[in-house]
Amino acid sequence: MTGFQFCRSKWIGMFVVIGGLAIVGISDIVFNQQANADMNSIITGDLLIIMAQIIAACQMVYEEKFLSKYDVPALVAVGLEGFFGFTVLAIILVPLAYIPAGSFSATPFHTVEDAIDAFAQMRNNYLIVIGLVGTLGLISPSALSG
């Protein structure tokens, strides 16, 4: 689609990752230690991970095609993607705080999301903030390097 050719080491890497995912998925089913775990929920979780990887791969291919078609600097594209993602998710967070989720939610008001409680947890436990800053410190250089 983008005209990019993979070398042998990239193909080997992809098969190693697929093999690792298969081993983890099979070990979830074979070595299930939880007595109340439902087999359907385990398989659903594994399928959700696979679908997320497929969507991420499609996004990367589309981004590569878009960046090669239009003369957009990589840092501008990454910055716009981050700004757009932050803005959309911040807007979506507001209605999610009011949508009832019933027994599926562990939040105090049983809603889909509770951002106020998340900020309260960060204020009460400094380790959460350290983990957040550490994650941002690891992601930022790789995103900026292109």
C-alpha atoms as a PDB file:
ATOM      1  CA  MET A   1       0.000   0.000   0.000  1.00  0.00           C
ATOM      2  CA  THR A   2       2.829   2.395   0.812  1.00  0.00           C
ATOM      3  CA  GLY A   3       5.451   0.665  -1.326  1.00  0.00           C
ATOM      4  CA  PHE A   4       7.609  -0.131   1.706  1.00  0.00           C
ATOM      5  CA  GLN A   5       9.542  -3.416   1.594  1.00  0.00           C
ATOM      6  CA  PHE A   6      10.301  -5.293   4.812  1.00  0.00           C
ATOM      7  CA  CYS A   7      13.678  -6.920   5.273  1.00  0.00           C
ATOM      8  CA  ARG A   8      14.004 -10.428   6.707  1.00  0.00           C
ATOM      9  CA  SER A   9      14.681  -9.243  10.277  1.00  0.00           C
ATOM     10  CA  LYS A  10      11.407  -7.250  10.318  1.00  0.00           C
ATOM     11  CA  TRP A  11       9.436 -10.312   9.211  1.00  0.00           C
ATOM     12  CA  ILE A  12      11.146 -12.429  11.876  1.00  0.00           C
ATOM     13  CA  GLY A  13      10.303  -9.768  14.458  1.00  0.00           C
ATOM     14  CA  MET A  14       6.633  -9.774  13.457  1.00  0.00           C
ATOM     15  CA  PHE A  15       6.439 -13.569  13.724  1.00  0.00           C
ATOM     16  CA  VAL A  16       8.147 -13.481  17.133  1.00  0.00           C
ATOM     17  CA  VAL A  17       5.563 -10.954  18.367  1.00  0.00           C
ATOM     18  CA  ILE A  18       2.674 -12.997  16.950  1.00  0.00           C
ATOM     19  CA  GLY A  19       4.130 -16.105  18.587  1.00  0.00           C
ATOM     20  CA  GLY A  20       4.398 -14.278  21.909  1.00  0.00           C
ATOM     21  CA  LEU A  21       0.784 -13.164  21.672  1.00  0.00           C
ATOM     22  CA  ALA A  22      -0.273 -16.732  20.894  1.00  0.00           C
ATOM     23  CA  ILE A  23       1.680 -18.089  23.882  1.00  0.00           C
ATOM     24  CA  VAL A  24       0.107 -15.528  26.231  1.00  0.00           C
ATOM     25  CA  GLY A  25      -3.379 -16.228  24.870  1.00  0.00           C
ATOM     26  CA  ILE A  26      -2.982 -19.989  25.180  1.00  0.00           C
ATOM     27  CA  SER A  27      -1.510 -19.692  28.685  1.00  0.00           C
ATOM     28  CA  ASP A  28      -4.550 -17.650  29.736  1.00  0.00           C
ATOM     29  CA  ILE A  29      -6.777 -20.543  28.781  1.00  0.00           C
ATOM     30  CA  VAL A  30      -4.602 -23.503  29.864  1.00  0.00           C
ATOM     31  CA  PHE A  31      -3.226 -22.163  33.162  1.00  0.00           C
ATOM     32  CA  ASN A  32      -6.359 -20.429  34.431  1.00  0.00           C
ATOM     33  CA  GLN A  33      -5.928 -20.078  38.221  1.00  0.00           C
ATOM     34  CA  GLN A  34      -9.136 -18.166  38.949  1.00  0.00           C
ATOM     35  CA  ALA A  35     -12.041 -20.435  39.814  1.00  0.00           C
ATOM     36  CA  ASN A  36     -14.701 -17.858  38.898  1.00  0.00           C
ATOM     37  CA  ALA A  37     -13.114 -16.733  35.616  1.00  0.00           C
ATOM     38  CA  ASP A  38     -15.376 -17.161  32.623  1.00  0.00           C
ATOM     39  CA  MET A  39     -13.722 -18.677  29.539  1.00  0.00           C
ATOM     40  CA  ASN A  40     -15.684 -16.307  27.285  1.00  0.00           C
ATOM     41  CA  SER A  41     -14.288 -13.256  29.083  1.00  0.00           C
ATOM     42  CA  ILE A  42     -10.717 -14.552  28.669  1.00  0.00           C
ATOM     43  CA  ILE A  43     -11.180 -15.141  24.947  1.00  0.00           C
ATOM     44  CA  THR A  44     -12.953 -11.775  24.573  1.00  0.00           C
ATOM     45  CA  GLY A  45     -10.024 -10.016  26.230  1.00  0.00           C
ATOM     46  CA  ASP A  46      -7.528 -11.717  23.937  1.00  0.00           C
ATOM     47  CA  LEU A  47      -9.625 -10.847  20.863  1.00  0.00           C
ATOM     48  CA  LEU A  48      -9.850  -7.209  21.975  1.00  0.00           C
ATOM     49  CA  ILE A  49      -6.042  -7.066  22.193  1.00  0.00           C
ATOM     50  CA  ILE A  50      -5.720  -8.525  18.682  1.00  0.00           C
ATOM     51  CA  MET A  51      -8.295  -6.081  17.277  1.00  0.00           C
ATOM     52  CA  ALA A  52      -6.512  -3.155  18.946  1.00  0.00           C
ATOM     53  CA  GLN A  53      -3.254  -4.192  17.294  1.00  0.00           C
ATOM     54  CA  ILE A  54      -4.943  -4.449  13.891  1.00  0.00           C
ATOM     55  CA  ILE A  55      -6.462  -0.975  14.283  1.00  0.00           C
ATOM     56  CA  ALA A  56      -3.100   0.469  15.386  1.00  0.00           C
ATOM     57  CA  ALA A  57      -1.396  -1.131  12.369  1.00  0.00           C
ATOM     58  CA  CYS A  58      -4.013   0.327  10.001  1.00  0.00           C
ATOM     59  CA  GLN A  59      -3.551   3.740  11.597  1.00  0.00           C
ATOM     60  CA  MET A  60       0.212   3.584  11.111  1.00  0.00           C
ATOM     61  CA  VAL A  61      -0.135   2.561   7.464  1.00  0.00           C
ATOM     62  CA  TYR A  62      -2.599   5.388   6.829  1.00  0.00           C
ATOM     63  CA  GLU A  63      -0.318   7.893   8.569  1.00  0.00           C
ATOM     64  CA  GLU A  64       2.638   6.739   6.477  1.00  0.00           C
ATOM     65  CA  LYS A  65       0.599   7.063   3.294  1.00  0.00           C
ATOM     66  CA  PHE A  66      -0.700  10.489   4.351  1.00  0.00           C
ATOM     67  CA  LEU A  67       2.749  11.794   5.289  1.00  0.00           C
ATOM     68  CA  SER A  68       4.255  10.610   2.018  1.00  0.00           C
ATOM     69  CA  LYS A  69       1.428  12.074  -0.084  1.00  0.00           C
ATOM     70  CA  TYR A  70       1.494  15.516   1.563  1.00  0.00           C
ATOM     71  CA  ASP A  71       4.650  17.282   2.568  1.00  0.00           C
ATOM     72  CA  VAL A  72       3.964  17.340   6.320  1.00  0.00           C
ATOM     73  CA  PRO A  73       6.939  17.352   8.690  1.00  0.00           C
ATOM     74  CA  ALA A  74       6.865  14.385  11.067  1.00  0.00           C
ATOM     75  CA  LEU A  75       7.002  16.544  14.217  1.00  0.00           C
ATOM     76  CA  VAL A  76       4.054  18.627  13.037  1.00  0.00           C
ATOM     77  CA  ALA A  77       2.046  15.469  12.349  1.00  0.00           C
ATOM     78  CA  VAL A  78       2.879  14.015  15.773  1.00  0.00           C
ATOM     79  CA  GLY A  79       2.033  17.300  17.479  1.00  0.00           C
ATOM     80  CA  LEU A  80      -1.285  17.664  15.672  1.00  0.00           C
ATOM     81  CA  GLU A  81      -2.155  14.040  16.398  1.00  0.00           C
ATOM     82  CA  GLY A  82      -1.430  14.524  20.091  1.00  0.00           C
ATOM     83  CA  PHE A  83      -3.349  17.809  20.292  1.00  0.00           C
ATOM     84  CA  PHE A  84      -6.330  16.367  18.423  1.00  0.00           C
ATOM     85  CA  GLY A  85      -6.350  13.213  20.567  1.00  0.00           C
ATOM     86  CA  PHE A  86      -6.126  15.181  23.813  1.00  0.00           C
ATOM     87  CA  THR A  87      -8.904  17.567  22.742  1.00  0.00           C
ATOM     88  CA  VAL A  88     -11.297  14.845  21.588  1.00  0.00           C
ATOM     89  CA  LEU A  89     -10.727  12.696  24.671  1.00  0.00           C
ATOM     90  CA  ALA A  90     -11.136  15.700  26.996  1.00  0.00           C
ATOM     91  CA  ILE A  91     -14.475  16.502  25.351  1.00  0.00           C
ATOM     92  CA  ILE A  92     -15.622  12.855  25.487  1.00  0.00           C
ATOM     93  CA  LEU A  93     -14.645  12.648  29.170  1.00  0.00           C
ATOM     94  CA  VAL A  94     -17.452  15.034  30.170  1.00  0.00           C
ATOM     95  CA  PRO A  95     -20.410  12.921  28.997  1.00  0.00           C
ATOM     96  CA  LEU A  96     -18.717   9.717  30.201  1.00  0.00           C
ATOM     97  CA  ALA A  97     -18.834  11.114  33.739  1.00  0.00           C
ATOM     98  CA  TYR A  98     -22.655  11.113  33.574  1.00  0.00           C
ATOM     99  CA  ILE A  99     -23.422   7.875  31.687  1.00  0.00           C
ATOM    100  CA  PRO A 100     -24.481   5.196  34.193  1.00  0.00           C
ATOM    101  CA  ALA A 101     -22.608   1.892  33.901  1.00  0.00           C
ATOM    102  CA  GLY A 102     -24.302  -0.030  36.713  1.00  0.00           C
ATOM    103  CA  SER A 103     -22.412  -2.998  38.080  1.00  0.00           C
ATOM    104  CA  PHE A 104     -19.769  -2.772  35.328  1.00  0.00           C
ATOM    105  CA  SER A 105     -18.262   0.314  36.962  1.00  0.00           C
ATOM    106  CA  ALA A 106     -16.103   0.441  40.069  1.00  0.00           C
ATOM    107  CA  THR A 107     -16.314   4.235  40.300  1.00  0.00           C
ATOM    108  CA  PRO A 108     -18.045   5.762  43.343  1.00  0.00           C
ATOM    109  CA  PHE A 109     -21.090   6.889  41.330  1.00  0.00           C
ATOM    110  CA  HIS A 110     -21.123   3.825  39.009  1.00  0.00           C
ATOM    111  CA  THR A 111     -20.559   5.876  35.871  1.00  0.00           C
ATOM    112  CA  VAL A 112     -18.387   5.002  32.870  1.00  0.00           C
ATOM    113  CA  GLU A 113     -15.607   7.393  33.910  1.00  0.00           C
ATOM    114  CA  ASP A 114     -14.855   9.598  36.908  1.00  0.00           C
ATOM    115  CA  ALA A 115     -12.096  12.117  36.209  1.00  0.00           C
ATOM    116  CA  ILE A 116     -12.608  13.931  39.527  1.00  0.00           C
ATOM    117  CA  ASP A 117     -11.876  10.710  41.412  1.00  0.00           C
ATOM    118  CA  ALA A 118      -8.798  10.131  39.227  1.00  0.00           C
ATOM    119  CA  PHE A 119      -7.403  13.549  40.191  1.00  0.00           C
ATOM    120  CA  ALA A 120      -8.213  12.840  43.851  1.00  0.00           C
ATOM    121  CA  GLN A 121      -6.285   9.562  43.628  1.00  0.00           C
ATOM    122  CA  MET A 122      -3.298  11.378  42.085  1.00  0.00           C
ATOM    123  CA  ARG A 123      -3.423  13.955  44.885  1.00  0.00           C
ATOM    124  CA  ASN A 124      -3.553  11.259  47.580  1.00  0.00           C
ATOM    125  CA  ASN A 125      -0.879   8.929  46.141  1.00  0.00           C
ATOM    126  CA  TYR A 126       2.313  10.454  44.776  1.00  0.00           C
ATOM    127  CA  LEU A 127       3.362   7.129  43.190  1.00  0.00           C
ATOM    128  CA  ILE A 128       0.606   7.521  40.596  1.00  0.00           C
ATOM    129  CA  VAL A 129       2.007  10.914  39.596  1.00  0.00           C
ATOM    130  CA  ILE A 130       5.545   9.524  39.452  1.00  0.00           C
ATOM    131  CA  GLY A 131       4.339   6.698  37.178  1.00  0.00           C
ATOM    132  CA  LEU A 132       2.497   9.178  34.945  1.00  0.00           C
ATOM    133  CA  VAL A 133       5.484  11.498  34.643  1.00  0.00           C
ATOM    134  CA  GLY A 134       7.793   8.517  34.032  1.00  0.00           C
ATOM    135  CA  THR A 135       5.546   7.207  31.279  1.00  0.00           C
ATOM    136  CA  LEU A 136       5.399  10.625  29.622  1.00  0.00           C
ATOM    137  CA  GLY A 137       9.169  10.881  29.960  1.00  0.00           C
ATOM    138  CA  LEU A 138       9.594   7.585  28.112  1.00  0.00           C
ATOM    139  CA  ILE A 139       6.996   8.253  25.403  1.00  0.00           C
ATOM    140  CA  SER A 140       7.966  11.844  24.561  1.00  0.00           C
ATOM    141  CA  PRO A 141      11.505  11.214  23.288  1.00  0.00           C
ATOM    142  CA  SER A 142      10.395   8.338  21.074  1.00  0.00           C
ATOM    143  CA  ALA A 143       7.555  10.430  19.640  1.00  0.00           C
ATOM    144  CA  LEU A 144       9.835  13.388  19.024  1.00  0.00           C
ATOM    145  CA  SER A 145      12.528  11.291  17.375  1.00  0.00           C
ATOM    146  CA  GLY A 146      10.152  10.363  14.561  1.00  0.00           C
END
